[in-house]
Amino acid sequence: MSTPEGIGITHPLPPEVNEIILLFLFLLGVIVIVLTEFTIYLDARKRGQYITHREAFKQTMVMLKQLAVDFLRVLLLWTITALPLTFLAPYTALSIALVIESLLGEVRSSLPADLVIAISSLFLLANIAVMHYFFSNYGSIYKLPVMLFIRDDIKQLLKSRLNTLKSPLEIIVGLVPGSITYAMTIYNLSVSLVNNANSLIAKISILIVIALLLTYVILNEKYEKAVNLVAKVLSLGKKEGGNKTIWMKRKGKKVYIYGKEKTSGTEWVVKVKKEDFEQCIAKKKELGVKDPVRDAMIDYALVHQCVTPKNDAETSASNTRP
């Protein structure tokens, strides 16, 4: 009897790993859509509402679309926090080493020595300028996941800025990768510092970059700017206050802050001492907030107090007061 190979038939090849992964992801997506639609349908029936499966499917698509958009916002935040570390740290170390080597005349080039020194110096200045701008303004963003569990004022600040987010998990998921990238960058530079035992210039350049990264992040107290950056990225594409209206009235020694939810029509009011409200506006102005009055209204409406990041000295002093 002839074998399959003998008559031109070959055995089918086993599926590749990539094909198995794609099939698994496809099946997982189908399962998620079906389960979400079924959950929406059951939830509506429990509330006494009757919806068709088509309506439940439409709500599912809207929900999944929102999840995809939220994921893209988180991915953008990952990129913003990771790119400066991925590119600026090694290129700054390289530019420092290049300047030192060009000053010592150790760079082999057909160009004149003065031109080599000028080019390497400009390269170093460009790296330092970009590094100083980002890390001096937003370096504290790499500390936010830790500070959220230590400083209540930072937690309240995030809550007041990101009041449109449904869960703090989105904030943590968006910030933790940047903090991990920062820790890994310091670790990799430290390993490179040890491995470059025979190159003094490489050691000096890496040591300078490590010192800069530690200084810009550890000593940075500009939490307001870091939180505003996170709020802008995670709220990208959302209309600020699109579903809510907020206003205030001053009556005697009190300030009444009114709010209304446009979609549901729900109204609420918060009563604040006029002196406290004015002090909050003054603090917001000192921090350079663009609209300190509206910012103060949002703070009192959400957390019933003025939210401003405190420095460690103020925090420790307030904790020791009787």
C-alpha atoms as a PDB file:
ATOM      1  CA  MET A   1       0.000   0.000   0.000  1.00  0.00           C
ATOM      2  CA  SER A   2       1.350   3.401  -0.917  1.00  0.00           C
ATOM      3  CA  THR A   3       1.990   6.006   1.767  1.00  0.00           C
ATOM      4  CA  PRO A   4       0.449   9.498   1.641  1.00  0.00           C
ATOM      5  CA  GLU A   5       3.859  10.925   0.765  1.00  0.00           C
ATOM      6  CA  GLY A   6       4.107   8.533  -2.134  1.00  0.00           C
ATOM      7  CA  ILE A   7       0.990   9.911  -3.815  1.00  0.00           C
ATOM      8  CA  GLY A   8       1.844  13.557  -3.202  1.00  0.00           C
ATOM      9  CA  ILE A   9       0.021  14.072   0.101  1.00  0.00           C
ATOM     10  CA  THR A  10       1.994  15.515   3.008  1.00  0.00           C
ATOM     11  CA  HIS A  11       1.157  15.551   6.665  1.00  0.00           C
ATOM     12  CA  PRO A  12      -0.237  18.907   7.890  1.00  0.00           C
ATOM     13  CA  LEU A  13       2.256  20.985   9.792  1.00  0.00           C
ATOM     14  CA  PRO A  14       1.470  21.748  13.449  1.00  0.00           C
ATOM     15  CA  PRO A  15       0.332  25.341  14.102  1.00  0.00           C
ATOM     16  CA  GLU A  16       3.014  27.841  15.002  1.00  0.00           C
ATOM     17  CA  VAL A  17       3.149  29.626  18.336  1.00  0.00           C
ATOM     18  CA  ASN A  18       2.038  32.926  16.802  1.00  0.00           C
ATOM     19  CA  GLU A  19      -1.004  31.271  15.246  1.00  0.00           C
ATOM     20  CA  ILE A  20      -1.959  29.676  18.573  1.00  0.00           C
ATOM     21  CA  ILE A  21      -1.617  33.041  20.366  1.00  0.00           C
ATOM     22  CA  LEU A  22      -3.745  34.837  17.753  1.00  0.00           C
ATOM     23  CA  LEU A  23      -6.432  32.135  17.950  1.00  0.00           C
ATOM     24  CA  PHE A  24      -6.417  32.336  21.747  1.00  0.00           C
ATOM     25  CA  LEU A  25      -6.755  36.133  21.676  1.00  0.00           C
ATOM     26  CA  PHE A  26      -9.596  35.907  19.170  1.00  0.00           C
ATOM     27  CA  LEU A  27     -11.488  33.380  21.301  1.00  0.00           C
ATOM     28  CA  LEU A  28     -10.816  35.445  24.419  1.00  0.00           C
ATOM     29  CA  GLY A  29     -12.207  38.547  22.718  1.00  0.00           C
ATOM     30  CA  VAL A  30     -15.358  36.681  21.665  1.00  0.00           C
ATOM     31  CA  ILE A  31     -15.846  35.343  25.202  1.00  0.00           C
ATOM     32  CA  VAL A  32     -15.387  38.829  26.718  1.00  0.00           C
ATOM     33  CA  ILE A  33     -17.943  40.357  24.326  1.00  0.00           C
ATOM     34  CA  VAL A  34     -20.512  37.624  24.994  1.00  0.00           C
ATOM     35  CA  LEU A  35     -20.067  37.755  28.775  1.00  0.00           C
ATOM     36  CA  THR A  36     -20.232  41.562  28.842  1.00  0.00           C
ATOM     37  CA  GLU A  37     -23.389  41.599  26.737  1.00  0.00           C
ATOM     38  CA  PHE A  38     -24.985  38.944  28.943  1.00  0.00           C
ATOM     39  CA  THR A  39     -24.035  40.892  32.103  1.00  0.00           C
ATOM     40  CA  ILE A  40     -25.546  44.124  30.735  1.00  0.00           C
ATOM     41  CA  TYR A  41     -28.729  42.263  29.732  1.00  0.00           C
ATOM     42  CA  LEU A  42     -29.138  40.648  33.175  1.00  0.00           C
ATOM     43  CA  ASP A  43     -28.399  43.915  34.980  1.00  0.00           C
ATOM     44  CA  ALA A  44     -31.089  45.698  32.961  1.00  0.00           C
ATOM     45  CA  ARG A  45     -33.631  42.940  33.681  1.00  0.00           C
ATOM     46  CA  LYS A  46     -32.883  43.140  37.423  1.00  0.00           C
ATOM     47  CA  ARG A  47     -33.671  46.878  37.345  1.00  0.00           C
ATOM     48  CA  GLY A  48     -36.980  46.116  35.652  1.00  0.00           C
ATOM     49  CA  GLN A  49     -35.864  47.382  32.255  1.00  0.00           C
ATOM     50  CA  TYR A  50     -36.405  45.381  29.100  1.00  0.00           C
ATOM     51  CA  ILE A  51     -33.716  45.681  26.465  1.00  0.00           C
ATOM     52  CA  THR A  52     -33.159  43.604  23.373  1.00  0.00           C
ATOM     53  CA  HIS A  53     -29.973  41.677  22.747  1.00  0.00           C
ATOM     54  CA  ARG A  54     -29.149  44.155  19.987  1.00  0.00           C
ATOM     55  CA  GLU A  55     -29.318  47.060  22.455  1.00  0.00           C
ATOM     56  CA  ALA A  56     -27.189  45.088  24.918  1.00  0.00           C
ATOM     57  CA  PHE A  57     -24.676  44.455  22.124  1.00  0.00           C
ATOM     58  CA  LYS A  58     -24.556  48.183  21.311  1.00  0.00           C
ATOM     59  CA  GLN A  59     -23.886  49.023  24.965  1.00  0.00           C
ATOM     60  CA  THR A  60     -21.167  46.373  24.990  1.00  0.00           C
ATOM     61  CA  MET A  61     -19.490  47.928  21.959  1.00  0.00           C
ATOM     62  CA  VAL A  62     -19.633  51.384  23.562  1.00  0.00           C
ATOM     63  CA  MET A  63     -18.085  49.994  26.754  1.00  0.00           C
ATOM     64  CA  LEU A  64     -15.319  48.145  24.883  1.00  0.00           C
ATOM     65  CA  LYS A  65     -14.616  51.254  22.802  1.00  0.00           C
ATOM     66  CA  GLN A  66     -14.217  53.288  25.988  1.00  0.00           C
ATOM     67  CA  LEU A  67     -11.901  50.620  27.421  1.00  0.00           C
ATOM     68  CA  ALA A  68      -9.792  50.751  24.237  1.00  0.00           C
ATOM     69  CA  VAL A  69      -9.577  54.552  24.434  1.00  0.00           C
ATOM     70  CA  ASP A  70      -8.620  54.383  28.125  1.00  0.00           C
ATOM     71  CA  PHE A  71      -5.929  51.827  27.297  1.00  0.00           C
ATOM     72  CA  LEU A  72      -4.499  54.129  24.621  1.00  0.00           C
ATOM     73  CA  ARG A  73      -4.376  56.979  27.158  1.00  0.00           C
ATOM     74  CA  VAL A  74      -2.532  54.751  29.637  1.00  0.00           C
ATOM     75  CA  LEU A  75      -0.180  53.619  26.857  1.00  0.00           C
ATOM     76  CA  LEU A  76       0.539  57.255  26.001  1.00  0.00           C
ATOM     77  CA  LEU A  77       1.352  57.956  29.662  1.00  0.00           C
ATOM     78  CA  TRP A  78       3.722  54.964  29.674  1.00  0.00           C
ATOM     79  CA  THR A  79       5.440  56.374  26.580  1.00  0.00           C
ATOM     80  CA  ILE A  80       5.779  59.876  28.032  1.00  0.00           C
ATOM     81  CA  THR A  81       7.374  58.586  31.240  1.00  0.00           C
ATOM     82  CA  ALA A  82       9.548  55.898  29.632  1.00  0.00           C
ATOM     83  CA  LEU A  83      11.005  57.698  26.595  1.00  0.00           C
ATOM     84  CA  PRO A  84      13.016  60.335  28.526  1.00  0.00           C
ATOM     85  CA  LEU A  85      14.654  57.570  30.548  1.00  0.00           C
ATOM     86  CA  THR A  86      15.195  55.276  27.568  1.00  0.00           C
ATOM     87  CA  PHE A  87      16.867  57.873  25.351  1.00  0.00           C
ATOM     88  CA  LEU A  88      18.030  60.820  27.458  1.00  0.00           C
ATOM     89  CA  ALA A  89      19.949  58.813  30.072  1.00  0.00           C
ATOM     90  CA  PRO A  90      22.243  56.854  27.690  1.00  0.00           C
ATOM     91  CA  TYR A  91      22.670  59.727  25.216  1.00  0.00           C
ATOM     92  CA  THR A  92      23.547  62.165  27.992  1.00  0.00           C
ATOM     93  CA  ALA A  93      26.179  59.728  29.313  1.00  0.00           C
ATOM     94  CA  LEU A  94      27.492  59.301  25.767  1.00  0.00           C
ATOM     95  CA  SER A  95      27.665  63.066  25.172  1.00  0.00           C
ATOM     96  CA  ILE A  96      29.536  63.629  28.456  1.00  0.00           C
ATOM     97  CA  ALA A  97      32.077  60.944  27.546  1.00  0.00           C
ATOM     98  CA  LEU A  98      32.420  62.420  24.036  1.00  0.00           C
ATOM     99  CA  VAL A  99      33.135  65.911  25.381  1.00  0.00           C
ATOM    100  CA  ILE A 100      35.771  64.617  27.812  1.00  0.00           C
ATOM    101  CA  GLU A 101      37.451  62.511  25.119  1.00  0.00           C
ATOM    102  CA  SER A 102      37.434  65.391  22.618  1.00  0.00           C
ATOM    103  CA  LEU A 103      38.995  67.730  25.192  1.00  0.00           C
ATOM    104  CA  LEU A 104      41.702  65.144  25.836  1.00  0.00           C
ATOM    105  CA  GLY A 105      42.240  64.678  22.100  1.00  0.00           C
ATOM    106  CA  GLU A 106      41.297  60.992  22.162  1.00  0.00           C
ATOM    107  CA  VAL A 107      38.589  61.222  19.486  1.00  0.00           C
ATOM    108  CA  ARG A 108      39.755  59.900  16.121  1.00  0.00           C
ATOM    109  CA  SER A 109      38.223  62.092  13.429  1.00  0.00           C
ATOM    110  CA  SER A 110      39.181  63.729  10.163  1.00  0.00           C
ATOM    111  CA  LEU A 111      37.593  66.961  11.394  1.00  0.00           C
ATOM    112  CA  PRO A 112      39.640  69.641  13.181  1.00  0.00           C
ATOM    113  CA  ALA A 113      39.906  69.189  16.949  1.00  0.00           C
ATOM    114  CA  ASP A 114      38.166  72.505  17.683  1.00  0.00           C
ATOM    115  CA  LEU A 115      35.203  71.529  15.503  1.00  0.00           C
ATOM    116  CA  VAL A 116      34.930  68.134  17.213  1.00  0.00           C
ATOM    117  CA  ILE A 117      34.904  69.841  20.635  1.00  0.00           C
ATOM    118  CA  ALA A 118      32.244  72.314  19.462  1.00  0.00           C
ATOM    119  CA  ILE A 119      29.966  69.600  18.027  1.00  0.00           C
ATOM    120  CA  SER A 120      30.282  67.354  21.080  1.00  0.00           C
ATOM    121  CA  SER A 121      29.648  70.318  23.396  1.00  0.00           C
ATOM    122  CA  LEU A 122      26.480  71.300  21.495  1.00  0.00           C
ATOM    123  CA  PHE A 123      25.312  67.672  21.635  1.00  0.00           C
ATOM    124  CA  LEU A 124      25.869  67.669  25.405  1.00  0.00           C
ATOM    125  CA  LEU A 125      24.097  71.013  25.912  1.00  0.00           C
ATOM    126  CA  ALA A 126      21.087  69.818  23.905  1.00  0.00           C
ATOM    127  CA  ASN A 127      20.801  66.645  26.004  1.00  0.00           C
ATOM    128  CA  ILE A 128      21.221  68.508  29.281  1.00  0.00           C
ATOM    129  CA  ALA A 129      18.644  71.157  28.272  1.00  0.00           C
ATOM    130  CA  VAL A 130      15.968  68.577  27.382  1.00  0.00           C
ATOM    131  CA  MET A 131      16.780  66.501  30.452  1.00  0.00           C
ATOM    132  CA  HIS A 132      16.623  69.545  32.744  1.00  0.00           C
ATOM    133  CA  TYR A 133      13.304  70.727  31.284  1.00  0.00           C
ATOM    134  CA  PHE A 134      11.490  67.408  31.649  1.00  0.00           C
ATOM    135  CA  PHE A 135      12.906  66.119  34.936  1.00  0.00           C
ATOM    136  CA  SER A 136      12.913  69.476  36.733  1.00  0.00           C
ATOM    137  CA  ASN A 137       9.208  69.950  35.913  1.00  0.00           C
ATOM    138  CA  TYR A 138       7.888  66.390  35.943  1.00  0.00           C
ATOM    139  CA  GLY A 139      10.524  64.347  37.790  1.00  0.00           C
ATOM    140  CA  SER A 140       8.165  63.801  40.720  1.00  0.00           C
ATOM    141  CA  ILE A 141       5.894  61.730  38.464  1.00  0.00           C
ATOM    142  CA  TYR A 142       8.169  58.729  39.095  1.00  0.00           C
ATOM    143  CA  LYS A 143       7.475  59.035  42.844  1.00  0.00           C
ATOM    144  CA  LEU A 144       3.697  59.365  42.590  1.00  0.00           C
ATOM    145  CA  PRO A 145       2.823  55.639  43.013  1.00  0.00           C
ATOM    146  CA  VAL A 146       4.714  55.631  46.324  1.00  0.00           C
ATOM    147  CA  MET A 147       3.578  59.091  47.439  1.00  0.00           C
ATOM    148  CA  LEU A 148      -0.065  58.120  46.910  1.00  0.00           C
ATOM    149  CA  PHE A 149       0.247  55.751  49.879  1.00  0.00           C
ATOM    150  CA  ILE A 150       2.292  58.173  52.027  1.00  0.00           C
ATOM    151  CA  ARG A 151       0.899  61.653  51.427  1.00  0.00           C
ATOM    152  CA  ASP A 152      -2.845  62.256  51.771  1.00  0.00           C
ATOM    153  CA  ASP A 153      -2.575  65.665  50.094  1.00  0.00           C
ATOM    154  CA  ILE A 154      -1.156  64.056  46.932  1.00  0.00           C
ATOM    155  CA  LYS A 155      -3.994  61.534  46.930  1.00  0.00           C
ATOM    156  CA  GLN A 156      -6.562  64.329  47.282  1.00  0.00           C
ATOM    157  CA  LEU A 157      -4.835  66.339  44.576  1.00  0.00           C
ATOM    158  CA  LEU A 158      -5.095  63.426  42.140  1.00  0.00           C
ATOM    159  CA  LYS A 159      -8.710  62.854  43.131  1.00  0.00           C
ATOM    160  CA  SER A 160      -9.625  66.479  42.490  1.00  0.00           C
ATOM    161  CA  ARG A 161      -7.894  66.578  39.095  1.00  0.00           C
ATOM    162  CA  LEU A 162      -9.048  63.166  37.883  1.00  0.00           C
ATOM    163  CA  ASN A 163     -12.622  63.305  39.112  1.00  0.00           C
ATOM    164  CA  THR A 164     -13.866  61.888  35.796  1.00  0.00           C
ATOM    165  CA  LEU A 165     -12.044  58.580  36.273  1.00  0.00           C
ATOM    166  CA  LYS A 166     -14.116  55.736  37.645  1.00  0.00           C
ATOM    167  CA  SER A 167     -11.325  53.887  39.422  1.00  0.00           C
ATOM    168  CA  PRO A 168      -7.884  54.768  40.869  1.00  0.00           C
ATOM    169  CA  LEU A 169      -6.619  51.578  39.219  1.00  0.00           C
ATOM    170  CA  GLU A 170      -6.251  53.478  35.936  1.00  0.00           C
ATOM    171  CA  ILE A 171      -3.939  55.957  37.662  1.00  0.00           C
ATOM    172  CA  ILE A 172      -1.792  53.232  39.233  1.00  0.00           C
ATOM    173  CA  VAL A 173      -1.587  51.247  35.979  1.00  0.00           C
ATOM    174  CA  GLY A 174      -0.516  54.399  34.155  1.00  0.00           C
ATOM    175  CA  LEU A 175       2.148  55.440  36.674  1.00  0.00           C
ATOM    176  CA  VAL A 176       3.759  52.191  37.866  1.00  0.00           C
ATOM    177  CA  PRO A 177       5.493  51.291  34.540  1.00  0.00           C
ATOM    178  CA  GLY A 178       7.228  54.681  34.531  1.00  0.00           C
ATOM    179  CA  SER A 179       8.449  54.169  38.108  1.00  0.00           C
ATOM    180  CA  ILE A 180       9.672  50.665  37.238  1.00  0.00           C
ATOM    181  CA  THR A 181      11.471  52.042  34.161  1.00  0.00           C
ATOM    182  CA  TYR A 182      13.134  54.679  36.349  1.00  0.00           C
ATOM    183  CA  ALA A 183      14.317  52.047  38.865  1.00  0.00           C
ATOM    184  CA  MET A 184      15.569  49.771  36.062  1.00  0.00           C
ATOM    185  CA  THR A 185      17.418  52.684  34.426  1.00  0.00           C
ATOM    186  CA  ILE A 186      19.246  53.456  37.682  1.00  0.00           C
ATOM    187  CA  TYR A 187      20.019  49.749  38.105  1.00  0.00           C
ATOM    188  CA  ASN A 188      21.329  49.302  34.535  1.00  0.00           C
ATOM    189  CA  LEU A 189      23.494  52.417  34.810  1.00  0.00           C
ATOM    190  CA  SER A 190      24.904  51.119  38.099  1.00  0.00           C
ATOM    191  CA  VAL A 191      25.728  47.777  36.477  1.00  0.00           C
ATOM    192  CA  SER A 192      27.415  49.592  33.588  1.00  0.00           C
ATOM    193  CA  LEU A 193      29.378  51.638  36.120  1.00  0.00           C
ATOM    194  CA  VAL A 194      30.765  48.438  37.646  1.00  0.00           C
ATOM    195  CA  ASN A 195      31.419  46.695  34.325  1.00  0.00           C
ATOM    196  CA  ASN A 196      33.391  49.614  32.842  1.00  0.00           C
ATOM    197  CA  ALA A 197      36.302  48.968  35.181  1.00  0.00           C
ATOM    198  CA  ASN A 198      38.972  49.912  32.616  1.00  0.00           C
ATOM    199  CA  SER A 199      37.363  53.126  31.342  1.00  0.00           C
ATOM    200  CA  LEU A 200      37.570  56.058  33.721  1.00  0.00           C
ATOM    201  CA  ILE A 201      35.790  58.397  31.295  1.00  0.00           C
ATOM    202  CA  ALA A 202      32.811  56.025  30.966  1.00  0.00           C
ATOM    203  CA  LYS A 203      32.634  55.735  34.762  1.00  0.00           C
ATOM    204  CA  ILE A 204      32.593  59.528  35.179  1.00  0.00           C
ATOM    205  CA  SER A 205      29.864  60.052  32.569  1.00  0.00           C
ATOM    206  CA  ILE A 206      27.626  57.285  33.979  1.00  0.00           C
ATOM    207  CA  LEU A 207      28.133  58.536  37.532  1.00  0.00           C
ATOM    208  CA  ILE A 208      27.091  62.064  36.506  1.00  0.00           C
ATOM    209  CA  VAL A 209      23.902  60.774  34.838  1.00  0.00           C
ATOM    210  CA  ILE A 210      22.983  58.661  37.886  1.00  0.00           C
ATOM    211  CA  ALA A 211      23.494  61.682  40.164  1.00  0.00           C
ATOM    212  CA  LEU A 212      21.321  63.850  37.888  1.00  0.00           C
ATOM    213  CA  LEU A 213      18.481  61.306  37.762  1.00  0.00           C
ATOM    214  CA  LEU A 214      18.493  60.790  41.531  1.00  0.00           C
ATOM    215  CA  THR A 215      18.603  64.527  42.239  1.00  0.00           C
ATOM    216  CA  TYR A 216      15.893  65.493  39.752  1.00  0.00           C
ATOM    217  CA  VAL A 217      13.480  62.861  41.081  1.00  0.00           C
ATOM    218  CA  ILE A 218      14.161  62.497  44.807  1.00  0.00           C
ATOM    219  CA  LEU A 219      14.412  66.237  45.532  1.00  0.00           C
ATOM    220  CA  ASN A 220      11.590  67.211  43.186  1.00  0.00           C
ATOM    221  CA  GLU A 221       8.492  68.537  44.996  1.00  0.00           C
ATOM    222  CA  LYS A 222       6.562  69.832  41.972  1.00  0.00           C
ATOM    223  CA  TYR A 223       3.664  67.429  42.442  1.00  0.00           C
ATOM    224  CA  GLU A 224       1.175  69.911  41.025  1.00  0.00           C
ATOM    225  CA  LYS A 225       2.830  69.824  37.593  1.00  0.00           C
ATOM    226  CA  ALA A 226       3.218  66.050  37.634  1.00  0.00           C
ATOM    227  CA  VAL A 227      -0.435  65.549  38.563  1.00  0.00           C
ATOM    228  CA  ASN A 228      -1.543  68.020  35.889  1.00  0.00           C
ATOM    229  CA  LEU A 229       0.466  66.076  33.295  1.00  0.00           C
ATOM    230  CA  VAL A 230      -1.190  62.816  34.365  1.00  0.00           C
ATOM    231  CA  ALA A 231      -4.619  64.493  34.314  1.00  0.00           C
ATOM    232  CA  LYS A 232      -4.089  65.892  30.809  1.00  0.00           C
ATOM    233  CA  VAL A 233      -2.978  62.533  29.399  1.00  0.00           C
ATOM    234  CA  LEU A 234      -5.625  60.386  31.102  1.00  0.00           C
ATOM    235  CA  SER A 235      -8.354  62.919  30.274  1.00  0.00           C
ATOM    236  CA  LEU A 236      -7.237  63.416  26.668  1.00  0.00           C
ATOM    237  CA  GLY A 237     -10.230  63.763  24.382  1.00  0.00           C
ATOM    238  CA  LYS A 238     -12.677  64.299  27.246  1.00  0.00           C
ATOM    239  CA  LYS A 239     -14.540  67.559  27.532  1.00  0.00           C
ATOM    240  CA  GLU A 240     -13.658  69.143  30.842  1.00  0.00           C
ATOM    241  CA  GLY A 241     -16.832  69.534  32.817  1.00  0.00           C
ATOM    242  CA  GLY A 242     -18.820  68.342  29.820  1.00  0.00           C
ATOM    243  CA  ASN A 243     -21.519  66.679  31.935  1.00  0.00           C
ATOM    244  CA  LYS A 244     -21.300  68.952  34.974  1.00  0.00           C
ATOM    245  CA  THR A 245     -21.953  72.619  35.663  1.00  0.00           C
ATOM    246  CA  ILE A 246     -20.510  74.339  38.713  1.00  0.00           C
ATOM    247  CA  TRP A 247     -20.972  77.886  40.042  1.00  0.00           C
ATOM    248  CA  MET A 248     -20.937  79.769  43.335  1.00  0.00           C
ATOM    249  CA  LYS A 249     -22.591  82.582  45.288  1.00  0.00           C
ATOM    250  CA  ARG A 250     -21.159  84.642  48.132  1.00  0.00           C
ATOM    251  CA  LYS A 251     -23.602  85.327  50.982  1.00  0.00           C
ATOM    252  CA  GLY A 252     -22.215  87.138  54.006  1.00  0.00           C
ATOM    253  CA  LYS A 253     -19.382  85.096  55.523  1.00  0.00           C
ATOM    254  CA  LYS A 254     -20.264  81.994  53.527  1.00  0.00           C
ATOM    255  CA  VAL A 255     -19.614  80.804  49.986  1.00  0.00           C
ATOM    256  CA  TYR A 256     -22.184  78.451  48.459  1.00  0.00           C
ATOM    257  CA  ILE A 257     -20.873  76.207  45.685  1.00  0.00           C
ATOM    258  CA  TYR A 258     -23.626  74.806  43.468  1.00  0.00           C
ATOM    259  CA  GLY A 259     -23.357  71.949  41.028  1.00  0.00           C
ATOM    260  CA  LYS A 260     -25.634  70.227  38.534  1.00  0.00           C
ATOM    261  CA  GLU A 261     -25.245  67.000  36.595  1.00  0.00           C
ATOM    262  CA  LYS A 262     -26.459  67.743  33.061  1.00  0.00           C
ATOM    263  CA  THR A 263     -27.378  64.182  32.159  1.00  0.00           C
ATOM    264  CA  SER A 264     -29.307  63.245  35.311  1.00  0.00           C
ATOM    265  CA  GLY A 265     -30.317  66.740  36.445  1.00  0.00           C
ATOM    266  CA  THR A 266     -29.048  66.054  39.978  1.00  0.00           C
ATOM    267  CA  GLU A 267     -28.202  69.239  41.904  1.00  0.00           C
ATOM    268  CA  TRP A 268     -26.061  69.692  45.020  1.00  0.00           C
ATOM    269  CA  VAL A 269     -24.608  72.493  47.129  1.00  0.00           C
ATOM    270  CA  VAL A 270     -21.537  72.817  49.368  1.00  0.00           C
ATOM    271  CA  LYS A 271     -21.232  75.530  52.026  1.00  0.00           C
ATOM    272  CA  VAL A 272     -17.735  76.937  52.735  1.00  0.00           C
ATOM    273  CA  LYS A 273     -16.443  79.696  54.985  1.00  0.00           C
ATOM    274  CA  LYS A 274     -15.617  82.752  52.895  1.00  0.00           C
ATOM    275  CA  GLU A 275     -12.243  83.197  54.642  1.00  0.00           C
ATOM    276  CA  ASP A 276     -11.204  79.597  53.895  1.00  0.00           C
ATOM    277  CA  PHE A 277     -12.312  79.903  50.280  1.00  0.00           C
ATOM    278  CA  GLU A 278     -10.343  83.126  49.731  1.00  0.00           C
ATOM    279  CA  GLN A 279      -7.243  81.578  51.320  1.00  0.00           C
ATOM    280  CA  CYS A 280      -7.577  78.600  48.981  1.00  0.00           C
ATOM    281  CA  ILE A 281      -7.761  80.912  45.946  1.00  0.00           C
ATOM    282  CA  ALA A 282      -4.639  82.752  47.164  1.00  0.00           C
ATOM    283  CA  LYS A 283      -2.754  79.448  47.484  1.00  0.00           C
ATOM    284  CA  LYS A 284      -3.839  78.419  43.990  1.00  0.00           C
ATOM    285  CA  LYS A 285      -2.547  81.727  42.593  1.00  0.00           C
ATOM    286  CA  GLU A 286       0.819  81.198  44.290  1.00  0.00           C
ATOM    287  CA  LEU A 287       1.043  77.772  42.619  1.00  0.00           C
ATOM    288  CA  GLY A 288       0.356  79.339  39.232  1.00  0.00           C
ATOM    289  CA  VAL A 289      -3.037  77.684  38.632  1.00  0.00           C
ATOM    290  CA  LYS A 290      -4.688  79.145  35.522  1.00  0.00           C
ATOM    291  CA  ASP A 291      -8.209  79.352  36.979  1.00  0.00           C
ATOM    292  CA  PRO A 292      -7.786  79.399  40.788  1.00  0.00           C
ATOM    293  CA  VAL A 293     -11.457  80.194  41.519  1.00  0.00           C
ATOM    294  CA  ARG A 294     -12.843  77.263  39.536  1.00  0.00           C
ATOM    295  CA  ASP A 295     -10.042  75.062  40.861  1.00  0.00           C
ATOM    296  CA  ALA A 296     -11.000  75.921  44.450  1.00  0.00           C
ATOM    297  CA  MET A 297     -14.690  75.280  43.727  1.00  0.00           C
ATOM    298  CA  ILE A 298     -13.892  71.829  42.341  1.00  0.00           C
ATOM    299  CA  ASP A 299     -11.757  71.017  45.404  1.00  0.00           C
ATOM    300  CA  TYR A 300     -14.491  71.883  47.887  1.00  0.00           C
ATOM    301  CA  ALA A 301     -17.158  70.206  45.768  1.00  0.00           C
ATOM    302  CA  LEU A 302     -15.246  66.909  45.586  1.00  0.00           C
ATOM    303  CA  VAL A 303     -13.264  66.596  48.832  1.00  0.00           C
ATOM    304  CA  HIS A 304     -14.745  69.468  50.916  1.00  0.00           C
ATOM    305  CA  GLN A 305     -11.347  71.118  51.449  1.00  0.00           C
ATOM    306  CA  CYS A 306      -8.647  73.009  49.587  1.00  0.00           C
ATOM    307  CA  VAL A 307      -6.190  70.641  47.900  1.00  0.00           C
ATOM    308  CA  THR A 308      -2.626  71.928  47.586  1.00  0.00           C
ATOM    309  CA  PRO A 309       0.552  69.798  47.699  1.00  0.00           C
ATOM    310  CA  LYS A 310       2.498  70.418  50.887  1.00  0.00           C
ATOM    311  CA  ASN A 311       6.194  70.081  51.302  1.00  0.00           C
ATOM    312  CA  ASP A 312       7.594  67.618  53.790  1.00  0.00           C
ATOM    313  CA  ALA A 313       8.376  70.295  56.351  1.00  0.00           C
ATOM    314  CA  GLU A 314       4.802  71.538  56.431  1.00  0.00           C
ATOM    315  CA  THR A 315       3.474  68.004  56.607  1.00  0.00           C
ATOM    316  CA  SER A 316       5.708  67.043  59.540  1.00  0.00           C
ATOM    317  CA  ALA A 317       4.927  70.311  61.317  1.00  0.00           C
ATOM    318  CA  SER A 318       1.164  69.769  60.947  1.00  0.00           C
ATOM    319  CA  ASN A 319       1.517  66.239  62.300  1.00  0.00           C
ATOM    320  CA  THR A 320       3.252  67.511  65.493  1.00  0.00           C
ATOM    321  CA  ARG A 321       0.635  70.122  66.258  1.00  0.00           C
ATOM    322  CA  PRO A 322      -1.598  69.322  69.252  1.00  0.00           C
END
